[in-house]
Amino acid sequence: MAGTSRTTFTKRQKERARQEKRAEKAQRKAERKQLGDSERGTTESQAGANLVVTLDEEGQPHGFDFHDFAR
């Protein structure tokens, strides 16, 4: 009977460690996301300032493609 309580205790310790690791990982992910959002906001405004609208012979604007948004 003493052997079963030991394994239960060990399992609880392992599960607690997994939960703590998962929580730390989620916190790091949230911090990275927050930093990424602030960085992304500055690059989007800079990229928008660098775009140049070109017109064809009829005065119609050409569409943008992914090359126009390269960093």
PDB file of N, CA and C in Angstrom:
ATOM      1  N   MET A   1       0.811  -1.180   0.000  1.00  0.00           N
ATOM      2  CA  MET A   1       0.000   0.000   0.000  1.00  0.00           C
ATOM      3  C   MET A   1       0.867   1.262   0.000  1.00  0.00           C
ATOM      4  N   ALA A   2       2.000   1.189   0.675  1.00  0.00           N
ATOM      5  CA  ALA A   2       2.889   2.345   0.708  1.00  0.00           C
ATOM      6  C   ALA A   2       3.464   2.622  -0.679  1.00  0.00           C
ATOM      7  N   GLY A   3       3.615   1.589  -1.495  1.00  0.00           N
ATOM      8  CA  GLY A   3       4.154   1.759  -2.834  1.00  0.00           C
ATOM      9  C   GLY A   3       3.217   2.522  -3.752  1.00  0.00           C
ATOM     10  N   THR A   4       1.942   2.339  -3.590  1.00  0.00           N
ATOM     11  CA  THR A   4       0.989   3.038  -4.459  1.00  0.00           C
ATOM     12  C   THR A   4       0.936   4.522  -4.153  1.00  0.00           C
ATOM     13  N   SER A   5       1.049   4.906  -2.886  1.00  0.00           N
ATOM     14  CA  SER A   5       1.013   6.331  -2.564  1.00  0.00           C
ATOM     15  C   SER A   5       2.266   7.029  -3.089  1.00  0.00           C
ATOM     16  N   ARG A   6       3.379   6.315  -3.113  1.00  0.00           N
ATOM     17  CA  ARG A   6       4.618   6.890  -3.645  1.00  0.00           C
ATOM     18  C   ARG A   6       4.475   7.198  -5.135  1.00  0.00           C
ATOM     19  N   THR A   7       3.895   6.261  -5.885  1.00  0.00           N
ATOM     20  CA  THR A   7       3.727   6.497  -7.323  1.00  0.00           C
ATOM     21  C   THR A   7       2.731   7.619  -7.574  1.00  0.00           C
ATOM     22  N   THR A   8       1.692   7.708  -6.761  1.00  0.00           N
ATOM     23  CA  THR A   8       0.719   8.786  -6.905  1.00  0.00           C
ATOM     24  C   THR A   8       1.389  10.129  -6.646  1.00  0.00           C
ATOM     25  N   PHE A   9       2.203  10.186  -5.589  1.00  0.00           N
ATOM     26  CA  PHE A   9       2.924  11.410  -5.265  1.00  0.00           C
ATOM     27  C   PHE A   9       3.850  11.808  -6.409  1.00  0.00           C
ATOM     28  N   THR A  10       4.565  10.849  -6.973  1.00  0.00           N
ATOM     29  CA  THR A  10       5.478  11.108  -8.081  1.00  0.00           C
ATOM     30  C   THR A  10       4.719  11.605  -9.305  1.00  0.00           C
ATOM     31  N   LYS A  11       3.583  10.978  -9.575  1.00  0.00           N
ATOM     32  CA  LYS A  11       2.768  11.411 -10.716  1.00  0.00           C
ATOM     33  C   LYS A  11       2.270  12.835 -10.521  1.00  0.00           C
ATOM     34  N   ARG A  12       1.868  13.165  -9.303  1.00  0.00           N
ATOM     35  CA  ARG A  12       1.400  14.521  -9.019  1.00  0.00           C
ATOM     36  C   ARG A  12       2.527  15.532  -9.201  1.00  0.00           C
ATOM     37  N   GLN A  13       3.731  15.172  -8.748  1.00  0.00           N
ATOM     38  CA  GLN A  13       4.873  16.066  -8.927  1.00  0.00           C
ATOM     39  C   GLN A  13       5.148  16.308 -10.403  1.00  0.00           C
ATOM     40  N   LYS A  14       5.132  15.238 -11.192  1.00  0.00           N
ATOM     41  CA  LYS A  14       5.391  15.364 -12.626  1.00  0.00           C
ATOM     42  C   LYS A  14       4.329  16.230 -13.299  1.00  0.00           C
ATOM     43  N   GLU A  15       3.083  16.001 -12.942  1.00  0.00           N
ATOM     44  CA  GLU A  15       1.995  16.785 -13.534  1.00  0.00           C
ATOM     45  C   GLU A  15       2.109  18.254 -13.143  1.00  0.00           C
ATOM     46  N   ARG A  16       2.456  18.520 -11.881  1.00  0.00           N
ATOM     47  CA  ARG A  16       2.640  19.900 -11.432  1.00  0.00           C
ATOM     48  C   ARG A  16       3.779  20.559 -12.208  1.00  0.00           C
ATOM     49  N   ALA A  17       4.867  19.834 -12.437  1.00  0.00           N
ATOM     50  CA  ALA A  17       5.996  20.368 -13.196  1.00  0.00           C
ATOM     51  C   ALA A  17       5.574  20.652 -14.638  1.00  0.00           C
ATOM     52  N   ARG A  18       4.780  19.761 -15.223  1.00  0.00           N
ATOM     53  CA  ARG A  18       4.289  19.986 -16.591  1.00  0.00           C
ATOM     54  C   ARG A  18       3.429  21.236 -16.661  1.00  0.00           C
ATOM     55  N   GLN A  19       2.545  21.405 -15.683  1.00  0.00           N
ATOM     56  CA  GLN A  19       1.677  22.577 -15.670  1.00  0.00           C
ATOM     57  C   GLN A  19       2.474  23.867 -15.523  1.00  0.00           C
ATOM     58  N   GLU A  20       3.482  23.849 -14.657  1.00  0.00           N
ATOM     59  CA  GLU A  20       4.322  25.039 -14.486  1.00  0.00           C
ATOM     60  C   GLU A  20       5.072  25.361 -15.769  1.00  0.00           C
ATOM     61  N   LYS A  21       5.605  24.325 -16.416  1.00  0.00           N
ATOM     62  CA  LYS A  21       6.328  24.532 -17.663  1.00  0.00           C
ATOM     63  C   LYS A  21       5.395  25.089 -18.736  1.00  0.00           C
ATOM     64  N   ARG A  22       4.182  24.549 -18.802  1.00  0.00           N
ATOM     65  CA  ARG A  22       3.196  25.018 -19.773  1.00  0.00           C
ATOM     66  C   ARG A  22       2.842  26.483 -19.521  1.00  0.00           C
ATOM     67  N   ALA A  23       2.695  26.863 -18.241  1.00  0.00           N
ATOM     68  CA  ALA A  23       2.363  28.238 -17.887  1.00  0.00           C
ATOM     69  C   ALA A  23       3.507  29.183 -18.258  1.00  0.00           C
ATOM     70  N   GLU A  24       4.748  28.769 -17.988  1.00  0.00           N
ATOM     71  CA  GLU A  24       5.901  29.595 -18.353  1.00  0.00           C
ATOM     72  C   GLU A  24       5.988  29.780 -19.862  1.00  0.00           C
ATOM     73  N   LYS A  25       5.735  28.703 -20.583  1.00  0.00           N
ATOM     74  CA  LYS A  25       5.776  28.762 -22.040  1.00  0.00           C
ATOM     75  C   LYS A  25       4.702  29.706 -22.578  1.00  0.00           C
ATOM     76  N   ALA A  26       3.507  29.640 -22.011  1.00  0.00           N
ATOM     77  CA  ALA A  26       2.424  30.533 -22.441  1.00  0.00           C
ATOM     78  C   ALA A  26       2.771  31.988 -22.141  1.00  0.00           C
ATOM     79  N   GLN A  27       3.422  32.230 -21.008  1.00  0.00           N
ATOM     80  CA  GLN A  27       3.818  33.588 -20.655  1.00  0.00           C
ATOM     81  C   GLN A  27       4.862  34.116 -21.643  1.00  0.00           C
ATOM     82  N   ARG A  28       5.854  33.286 -21.973  1.00  0.00           N
ATOM     83  CA  ARG A  28       6.873  33.708 -22.945  1.00  0.00           C
ATOM     84  C   ARG A  28       6.237  33.986 -24.312  1.00  0.00           C
ATOM     85  N   LYS A  29       5.279  33.135 -24.701  1.00  0.00           N
ATOM     86  CA  LYS A  29       4.603  33.320 -25.985  1.00  0.00           C
ATOM     87  C   LYS A  29       3.832  34.638 -26.002  1.00  0.00           C
ATOM     88  N   ALA A  30       3.159  34.957 -24.901  1.00  0.00           N
ATOM     89  CA  ALA A  30       2.410  36.212 -24.811  1.00  0.00           C
ATOM     90  C   ALA A  30       3.357  37.412 -24.892  1.00  0.00           C
ATOM     91  N   GLU A  31       4.515  37.316 -24.246  1.00  0.00           N
ATOM     92  CA  GLU A  31       5.492  38.406 -24.309  1.00  0.00           C
ATOM     93  C   GLU A  31       6.017  38.588 -25.728  1.00  0.00           C
ATOM     94  N   ARG A  32       6.323  37.470 -26.410  1.00  0.00           N
ATOM     95  CA  ARG A  32       6.796  37.559 -27.792  1.00  0.00           C
ATOM     96  C   ARG A  32       5.726  38.165 -28.690  1.00  0.00           C
ATOM     97  N   LYS A  33       4.478  37.763 -28.470  1.00  0.00           N
ATOM     98  CA  LYS A  33       3.382  38.285 -29.285  1.00  0.00           C
ATOM     99  C   LYS A  33       3.234  39.780 -29.068  1.00  0.00           C
ATOM    100  N   GLN A  34       3.327  40.216 -27.819  1.00  0.00           N
ATOM    101  CA  GLN A  34       3.204  41.634 -27.512  1.00  0.00           C
ATOM    102  C   GLN A  34       4.339  42.425 -28.164  1.00  0.00           C
ATOM    103  N   LEU A  35       5.555  41.909 -28.111  1.00  0.00           N
ATOM    104  CA  LEU A  35       6.685  42.575 -28.748  1.00  0.00           C
ATOM    105  C   LEU A  35       6.529  42.560 -30.256  1.00  0.00           C
ATOM    106  N   GLY A  36       6.048  41.463 -30.805  1.00  0.00           N
ATOM    107  CA  GLY A  36       5.857  41.349 -32.244  1.00  0.00           C
ATOM    108  C   GLY A  36       4.819  42.325 -32.750  1.00  0.00           C
ATOM    109  N   ASP A  37       3.739  42.534 -32.004  1.00  0.00           N
ATOM    110  CA  ASP A  37       2.700  43.469 -32.410  1.00  0.00           C
ATOM    111  C   ASP A  37       3.243  44.891 -32.466  1.00  0.00           C
ATOM    112  N   SER A  38       4.039  45.271 -31.485  1.00  0.00           N
ATOM    113  CA  SER A  38       4.574  46.635 -31.471  1.00  0.00           C
ATOM    114  C   SER A  38       5.582  46.834 -32.601  1.00  0.00           C
ATOM    115  N   GLU A  39       6.397  45.809 -32.890  1.00  0.00           N
ATOM    116  CA  GLU A  39       7.357  45.921 -33.988  1.00  0.00           C
ATOM    117  C   GLU A  39       6.641  45.926 -35.326  1.00  0.00           C
ATOM    118  N   ARG A  40       5.610  45.091 -35.456  1.00  0.00           N
ATOM    119  CA  ARG A  40       4.878  44.983 -36.711  1.00  0.00           C
ATOM    120  C   ARG A  40       4.183  46.295 -37.053  1.00  0.00           C
ATOM    121  N   GLY A  41       3.710  47.009 -36.053  1.00  0.00           N
ATOM    122  CA  GLY A  41       3.030  48.280 -36.286  1.00  0.00           C
ATOM    123  C   GLY A  41       3.956  49.309 -36.908  1.00  0.00           C
ATOM    124  N   THR A  42       5.220  49.350 -36.502  1.00  0.00           N
ATOM    125  CA  THR A  42       6.152  50.325 -37.068  1.00  0.00           C
ATOM    126  C   THR A  42       6.548  49.936 -38.484  1.00  0.00           C
ATOM    127  N   THR A  43       6.719  48.655 -38.760  1.00  0.00           N
ATOM    128  CA  THR A  43       7.132  48.262 -40.103  1.00  0.00           C
ATOM    129  C   THR A  43       6.003  48.427 -41.098  1.00  0.00           C
ATOM    130  N   GLU A  44       4.756  48.217 -40.674  1.00  0.00           N
ATOM    131  CA  GLU A  44       3.638  48.389 -41.591  1.00  0.00           C
ATOM    132  C   GLU A  44       3.495  49.851 -41.988  1.00  0.00           C
ATOM    133  N   SER A  45       3.657  50.761 -41.054  1.00  0.00           N
ATOM    134  CA  SER A  45       3.525  52.172 -41.392  1.00  0.00           C
ATOM    135  C   SER A  45       4.689  52.613 -42.283  1.00  0.00           C
ATOM    136  N   GLN A  46       5.877  52.071 -42.059  1.00  0.00           N
ATOM    137  CA  GLN A  46       7.016  52.404 -42.913  1.00  0.00           C
ATOM    138  C   GLN A  46       6.827  51.826 -44.307  1.00  0.00           C
ATOM    139  N   ALA A  47       6.321  50.602 -44.400  1.00  0.00           N
ATOM    140  CA  ALA A  47       6.123  49.977 -45.700  1.00  0.00           C
ATOM    141  C   ALA A  47       5.076  50.736 -46.497  1.00  0.00           C
ATOM    142  N   GLY A  48       4.031  51.191 -45.839  1.00  0.00           N
ATOM    143  CA  GLY A  48       2.988  51.954 -46.524  1.00  0.00           C
ATOM    144  C   GLY A  48       3.519  53.275 -47.052  1.00  0.00           C
ATOM    145  N   ALA A  49       4.481  53.868 -46.367  1.00  0.00           N
ATOM    146  CA  ALA A  49       5.049  55.146 -46.806  1.00  0.00           C
ATOM    147  C   ALA A  49       5.938  54.959 -48.032  1.00  0.00           C
ATOM    148  N   ASN A  50       6.489  53.752 -48.242  1.00  0.00           N
ATOM    149  CA  ASN A  50       7.408  53.515 -49.346  1.00  0.00           C
ATOM    150  C   ASN A  50       6.708  53.078 -50.626  1.00  0.00           C
ATOM    151  N   LEU A  51       5.420  52.786 -50.594  1.00  0.00           N
ATOM    152  CA  LEU A  51       4.714  52.322 -51.777  1.00  0.00           C
ATOM    153  C   LEU A  51       4.489  53.471 -52.752  1.00  0.00           C
ATOM    154  N   VAL A  52       4.664  53.170 -54.024  1.00  0.00           N
ATOM    155  CA  VAL A  52       4.462  54.165 -55.075  1.00  0.00           C
ATOM    156  C   VAL A  52       3.427  53.616 -56.039  1.00  0.00           C
ATOM    157  N   VAL A  53       2.396  54.401 -56.299  1.00  0.00           N
ATOM    158  CA  VAL A  53       1.349  53.985 -57.225  1.00  0.00           C
ATOM    159  C   VAL A  53       1.809  54.316 -58.639  1.00  0.00           C
ATOM    160  N   THR A  54       1.813  53.301 -59.508  1.00  0.00           N
ATOM    161  CA  THR A  54       2.183  53.520 -60.904  1.00  0.00           C
ATOM    162  C   THR A  54       0.931  53.409 -61.768  1.00  0.00           C
ATOM    163  N   LEU A  55       0.904  54.183 -62.844  1.00  0.00           N
ATOM    164  CA  LEU A  55      -0.255  54.213 -63.730  1.00  0.00           C
ATOM    165  C   LEU A  55       0.123  53.662 -65.100  1.00  0.00           C
ATOM    166  N   ASP A  56      -0.844  53.046 -65.764  1.00  0.00           N
ATOM    167  CA  ASP A  56      -0.596  52.585 -67.129  1.00  0.00           C
ATOM    168  C   ASP A  56      -0.906  53.705 -68.121  1.00  0.00           C
ATOM    169  N   GLU A  57      -0.897  53.391 -69.429  1.00  0.00           N
ATOM    170  CA  GLU A  57      -1.099  54.410 -70.464  1.00  0.00           C
ATOM    171  C   GLU A  57      -2.472  55.072 -70.371  1.00  0.00           C
ATOM    172  N   GLU A  58      -3.460  54.349 -69.863  1.00  0.00           N
ATOM    173  CA  GLU A  58      -4.815  54.877 -69.772  1.00  0.00           C
ATOM    174  C   GLU A  58      -5.073  55.607 -68.461  1.00  0.00           C
ATOM    175  N   GLY A  59      -4.079  55.700 -67.616  1.00  0.00           N
ATOM    176  CA  GLY A  59      -4.221  56.394 -66.341  1.00  0.00           C
ATOM    177  C   GLY A  59      -4.787  55.527 -65.237  1.00  0.00           C
ATOM    178  N   GLN A  60      -4.899  54.230 -65.471  1.00  0.00           N
ATOM    179  CA  GLN A  60      -5.397  53.310 -64.455  1.00  0.00           C
ATOM    180  C   GLN A  60      -4.232  52.835 -63.586  1.00  0.00           C
ATOM    181  N   PRO A  61      -4.435  52.744 -62.288  1.00  0.00           N
ATOM    182  CA  PRO A  61      -3.342  52.294 -61.409  1.00  0.00           C
ATOM    183  C   PRO A  61      -3.073  50.807 -61.576  1.00  0.00           C
ATOM    184  N   HIS A  62      -1.787  50.456 -61.496  1.00  0.00           N
ATOM    185  CA  HIS A  62      -1.389  49.053 -61.468  1.00  0.00           C
ATOM    186  C   HIS A  62      -1.620  48.528 -60.060  1.00  0.00           C
ATOM    187  N   GLY A  63      -1.938  47.262 -59.938  1.00  0.00           N
ATOM    188  CA  GLY A  63      -2.106  46.657 -58.611  1.00  0.00           C
ATOM    189  C   GLY A  63      -0.763  46.363 -57.971  1.00  0.00           C
ATOM    190  N   PHE A  64      -0.761  46.264 -56.671  1.00  0.00           N
ATOM    191  CA  PHE A  64       0.441  45.906 -55.941  1.00  0.00           C
ATOM    192  C   PHE A  64       0.559  44.396 -55.883  1.00  0.00           C
ATOM    193  N   ASP A  65       1.795  43.881 -55.854  1.00  0.00           N
ATOM    194  CA  ASP A  65       2.011  42.456 -55.620  1.00  0.00           C
ATOM    195  C   ASP A  65       2.937  42.308 -54.412  1.00  0.00           C
ATOM    196  N   PHE A  66       3.270  41.089 -54.067  1.00  0.00           N
ATOM    197  CA  PHE A  66       4.027  40.867 -52.833  1.00  0.00           C
ATOM    198  C   PHE A  66       5.435  41.462 -52.889  1.00  0.00           C
ATOM    199  N   HIS A  67       5.972  41.720 -54.065  1.00  0.00           N
ATOM    200  CA  HIS A  67       7.302  42.343 -54.171  1.00  0.00           C
ATOM    201  C   HIS A  67       7.281  43.782 -53.679  1.00  0.00           C
ATOM    202  N   ASP A  68       6.133  44.453 -53.815  1.00  0.00           N
ATOM    203  CA  ASP A  68       6.035  45.830 -53.370  1.00  0.00           C
ATOM    204  C   ASP A  68       6.100  45.961 -51.857  1.00  0.00           C
ATOM    205  N   PHE A  69       5.797  44.874 -51.151  1.00  0.00           N
ATOM    206  CA  PHE A  69       5.770  44.916 -49.699  1.00  0.00           C
ATOM    207  C   PHE A  69       7.016  44.318 -49.075  1.00  0.00           C
ATOM    208  N   ALA A  70       8.025  43.988 -49.864  1.00  0.00           N
ATOM    209  CA  ALA A  70       9.261  43.393 -49.333  1.00  0.00           C
ATOM    210  C   ALA A  70       9.961  44.388 -48.437  1.00  0.00           C
ATOM    211  N   ARG A  71      10.611  43.835 -47.437  1.00  0.00           N
ATOM    212  CA  ARG A  71      11.302  44.709 -46.450  1.00  0.00           C
ATOM    213  C   ARG A  71      12.731  44.893 -46.821  1.00  0.00           C
TER     214      ARG A  71
END
